[in-house]
Amino acid sequence: MRYVVIGTIVSMLGVVVSMLLWGVQQAYFLPGIVGFICLAVSMLLSGALVSGDRMRANFATETTAGRHERHRVMTRALLLAVPNLIIAIIAYTLYS
């Protein structure tokens, strides 16, 4: 829950900064960038972008502690991405 709140605060600040820098029509710009970066990090850490062979090899060679750390970071990045993407979509539909 903490990371959803942090993501919401970051997205609101991103909207304000985007409005100050580029105007109301570009209010979605910074929250969208932050959301897509966090989503890309989450996808990379989840293994969604690799083949099954590579996923199995990674699973066999990593430790349990490393797997838990990777899963924890992946989940947190996703929780940061969701509010940013939602606010970016809302700002895009309202101001464009």
C-alpha atoms as a PDB file:
ATOM      1  CA  MET A   1       0.000   0.000   0.000  1.00  0.00           C
ATOM      2  CA  ARG A   2       2.875   2.334   0.743  1.00  0.00           C
ATOM      3  CA  TYR A   3       4.210   2.066  -2.817  1.00  0.00           C
ATOM      4  CA  VAL A   4       0.818   2.816  -4.339  1.00  0.00           C
ATOM      5  CA  VAL A   5       0.665   6.012  -2.257  1.00  0.00           C
ATOM      6  CA  ILE A   6       4.234   6.915  -3.253  1.00  0.00           C
ATOM      7  CA  GLY A   7       3.355   6.266  -6.903  1.00  0.00           C
ATOM      8  CA  THR A   8       0.285   8.487  -6.624  1.00  0.00           C
ATOM      9  CA  ILE A   9       2.286  11.319  -5.073  1.00  0.00           C
ATOM     10  CA  VAL A  10       4.984  11.003  -7.745  1.00  0.00           C
ATOM     11  CA  SER A  11       2.370  11.027 -10.495  1.00  0.00           C
ATOM     12  CA  MET A  12       0.640  14.122  -9.113  1.00  0.00           C
ATOM     13  CA  LEU A  13       3.974  15.927  -8.867  1.00  0.00           C
ATOM     14  CA  GLY A  14       4.738  14.773 -12.416  1.00  0.00           C
ATOM     15  CA  VAL A  15       1.480  16.261 -13.672  1.00  0.00           C
ATOM     16  CA  VAL A  16       2.217  19.587 -11.979  1.00  0.00           C
ATOM     17  CA  VAL A  17       5.789  19.731 -13.288  1.00  0.00           C
ATOM     18  CA  SER A  18       4.653  18.740 -16.793  1.00  0.00           C
ATOM     19  CA  MET A  19       2.027  21.463 -16.736  1.00  0.00           C
ATOM     20  CA  LEU A  20       4.600  24.031 -15.646  1.00  0.00           C
ATOM     21  CA  LEU A  21       7.196  22.982 -18.226  1.00  0.00           C
ATOM     22  CA  TRP A  22       5.122  22.115 -21.297  1.00  0.00           C
ATOM     23  CA  GLY A  23       1.599  23.354 -20.651  1.00  0.00           C
ATOM     24  CA  VAL A  24      -1.712  21.707 -19.919  1.00  0.00           C
ATOM     25  CA  GLN A  25      -1.758  19.686 -23.150  1.00  0.00           C
ATOM     26  CA  GLN A  26       1.372  17.763 -22.076  1.00  0.00           C
ATOM     27  CA  ALA A  27       0.300  17.085 -18.464  1.00  0.00           C
ATOM     28  CA  TYR A  28       0.493  13.325 -19.047  1.00  0.00           C
ATOM     29  CA  PHE A  29       4.135  13.352 -20.177  1.00  0.00           C
ATOM     30  CA  LEU A  30       6.162  12.838 -16.958  1.00  0.00           C
ATOM     31  CA  PRO A  31       3.739  10.445 -15.234  1.00  0.00           C
ATOM     32  CA  GLY A  32       3.651   8.396 -18.423  1.00  0.00           C
ATOM     33  CA  ILE A  33       7.435   8.211 -18.625  1.00  0.00           C
ATOM     34  CA  VAL A  34       7.782   7.244 -14.954  1.00  0.00           C
ATOM     35  CA  GLY A  35       5.007   4.666 -15.317  1.00  0.00           C
ATOM     36  CA  PHE A  36       6.537   3.048 -18.400  1.00  0.00           C
ATOM     37  CA  ILE A  37      10.015   2.952 -16.843  1.00  0.00           C
ATOM     38  CA  CYS A  38       8.686   1.257 -13.697  1.00  0.00           C
ATOM     39  CA  LEU A  39       6.626  -1.127 -15.826  1.00  0.00           C
ATOM     40  CA  ALA A  40       9.689  -2.009 -17.932  1.00  0.00           C
ATOM     41  CA  VAL A  41      11.740  -2.682 -14.789  1.00  0.00           C
ATOM     42  CA  SER A  42       8.974  -4.908 -13.465  1.00  0.00           C
ATOM     43  CA  MET A  43       8.756  -6.813 -16.757  1.00  0.00           C
ATOM     44  CA  LEU A  44      12.513  -7.310 -16.903  1.00  0.00           C
ATOM     45  CA  LEU A  45      12.709  -8.581 -13.345  1.00  0.00           C
ATOM     46  CA  SER A  46       9.734 -10.896 -13.736  1.00  0.00           C
ATOM     47  CA  GLY A  47      11.325 -12.697 -16.657  1.00  0.00           C
ATOM     48  CA  ALA A  48       8.442 -11.951 -18.996  1.00  0.00           C
ATOM     49  CA  LEU A  49      10.815 -10.900 -21.771  1.00  0.00           C
ATOM     50  CA  VAL A  50      12.971 -14.045 -21.917  1.00  0.00           C
ATOM     51  CA  SER A  51      12.408 -17.485 -23.384  1.00  0.00           C
ATOM     52  CA  GLY A  52      11.421 -20.524 -21.368  1.00  0.00           C
ATOM     53  CA  ASP A  53      14.923 -21.996 -21.587  1.00  0.00           C
ATOM     54  CA  ARG A  54      16.487 -18.836 -20.187  1.00  0.00           C
ATOM     55  CA  MET A  55      13.835 -18.599 -17.466  1.00  0.00           C
ATOM     56  CA  ARG A  56      14.477 -22.190 -16.377  1.00  0.00           C
ATOM     57  CA  ALA A  57      18.250 -21.609 -16.359  1.00  0.00           C
ATOM     58  CA  ASN A  58      17.882 -18.457 -14.298  1.00  0.00           C
ATOM     59  CA  PHE A  59      15.571 -20.219 -11.859  1.00  0.00           C
ATOM     60  CA  ALA A  60      18.000 -23.121 -11.448  1.00  0.00           C
ATOM     61  CA  THR A  61      21.054 -20.951 -10.807  1.00  0.00           C
ATOM     62  CA  GLU A  62      19.700 -18.252  -8.511  1.00  0.00           C
ATOM     63  CA  THR A  63      19.422 -18.573  -4.766  1.00  0.00           C
ATOM     64  CA  THR A  64      16.181 -18.438  -2.839  1.00  0.00           C
ATOM     65  CA  ALA A  65      17.198 -15.123  -1.244  1.00  0.00           C
ATOM     66  CA  GLY A  66      18.004 -13.671  -4.669  1.00  0.00           C
ATOM     67  CA  ARG A  67      14.666 -14.852  -6.051  1.00  0.00           C
ATOM     68  CA  HIS A  68      12.770 -13.273  -3.154  1.00  0.00           C
ATOM     69  CA  GLU A  69      14.685  -9.991  -3.574  1.00  0.00           C
ATOM     70  CA  ARG A  70      13.980  -9.929  -7.331  1.00  0.00           C
ATOM     71  CA  HIS A  71      10.300 -10.660  -6.734  1.00  0.00           C
ATOM     72  CA  ARG A  72      10.080  -7.955  -4.059  1.00  0.00           C
ATOM     73  CA  VAL A  73      11.641  -5.307  -6.324  1.00  0.00           C
ATOM     74  CA  MET A  74       9.451  -6.426  -9.241  1.00  0.00           C
ATOM     75  CA  THR A  75       6.286  -6.073  -7.162  1.00  0.00           C
ATOM     76  CA  ARG A  76       7.288  -2.665  -5.837  1.00  0.00           C
ATOM     77  CA  ALA A  77       8.107  -1.382  -9.323  1.00  0.00           C
ATOM     78  CA  LEU A  78       4.712  -2.565 -10.534  1.00  0.00           C
ATOM     79  CA  LEU A  79       2.958  -0.891  -7.610  1.00  0.00           C
ATOM     80  CA  LEU A  80       4.759   2.357  -8.478  1.00  0.00           C
ATOM     81  CA  ALA A  81       3.872   2.026 -12.173  1.00  0.00           C
ATOM     82  CA  VAL A  82       0.123   1.502 -11.834  1.00  0.00           C
ATOM     83  CA  PRO A  83      -0.861   4.890 -10.326  1.00  0.00           C
ATOM     84  CA  ASN A  84       1.482   6.720 -12.687  1.00  0.00           C
ATOM     85  CA  LEU A  85      -0.060   5.072 -15.743  1.00  0.00           C
ATOM     86  CA  ILE A  86      -3.602   5.632 -14.480  1.00  0.00           C
ATOM     87  CA  ILE A  87      -2.951   9.336 -13.814  1.00  0.00           C
ATOM     88  CA  ALA A  88      -1.220   9.685 -17.201  1.00  0.00           C
ATOM     89  CA  ILE A  89      -4.252   8.177 -18.966  1.00  0.00           C
ATOM     90  CA  ILE A  90      -6.642  10.406 -17.026  1.00  0.00           C
ATOM     91  CA  ALA A  91      -4.548  13.519 -17.759  1.00  0.00           C
ATOM     92  CA  TYR A  92      -4.346  12.563 -21.437  1.00  0.00           C
ATOM     93  CA  THR A  93      -8.095  12.149 -21.768  1.00  0.00           C
ATOM     94  CA  LEU A  94      -8.898  15.335 -19.834  1.00  0.00           C
ATOM     95  CA  TYR A  95      -6.384  17.735 -21.384  1.00  0.00           C
ATOM     96  CA  SER A  96      -5.841  16.476 -24.930  1.00  0.00           C
END
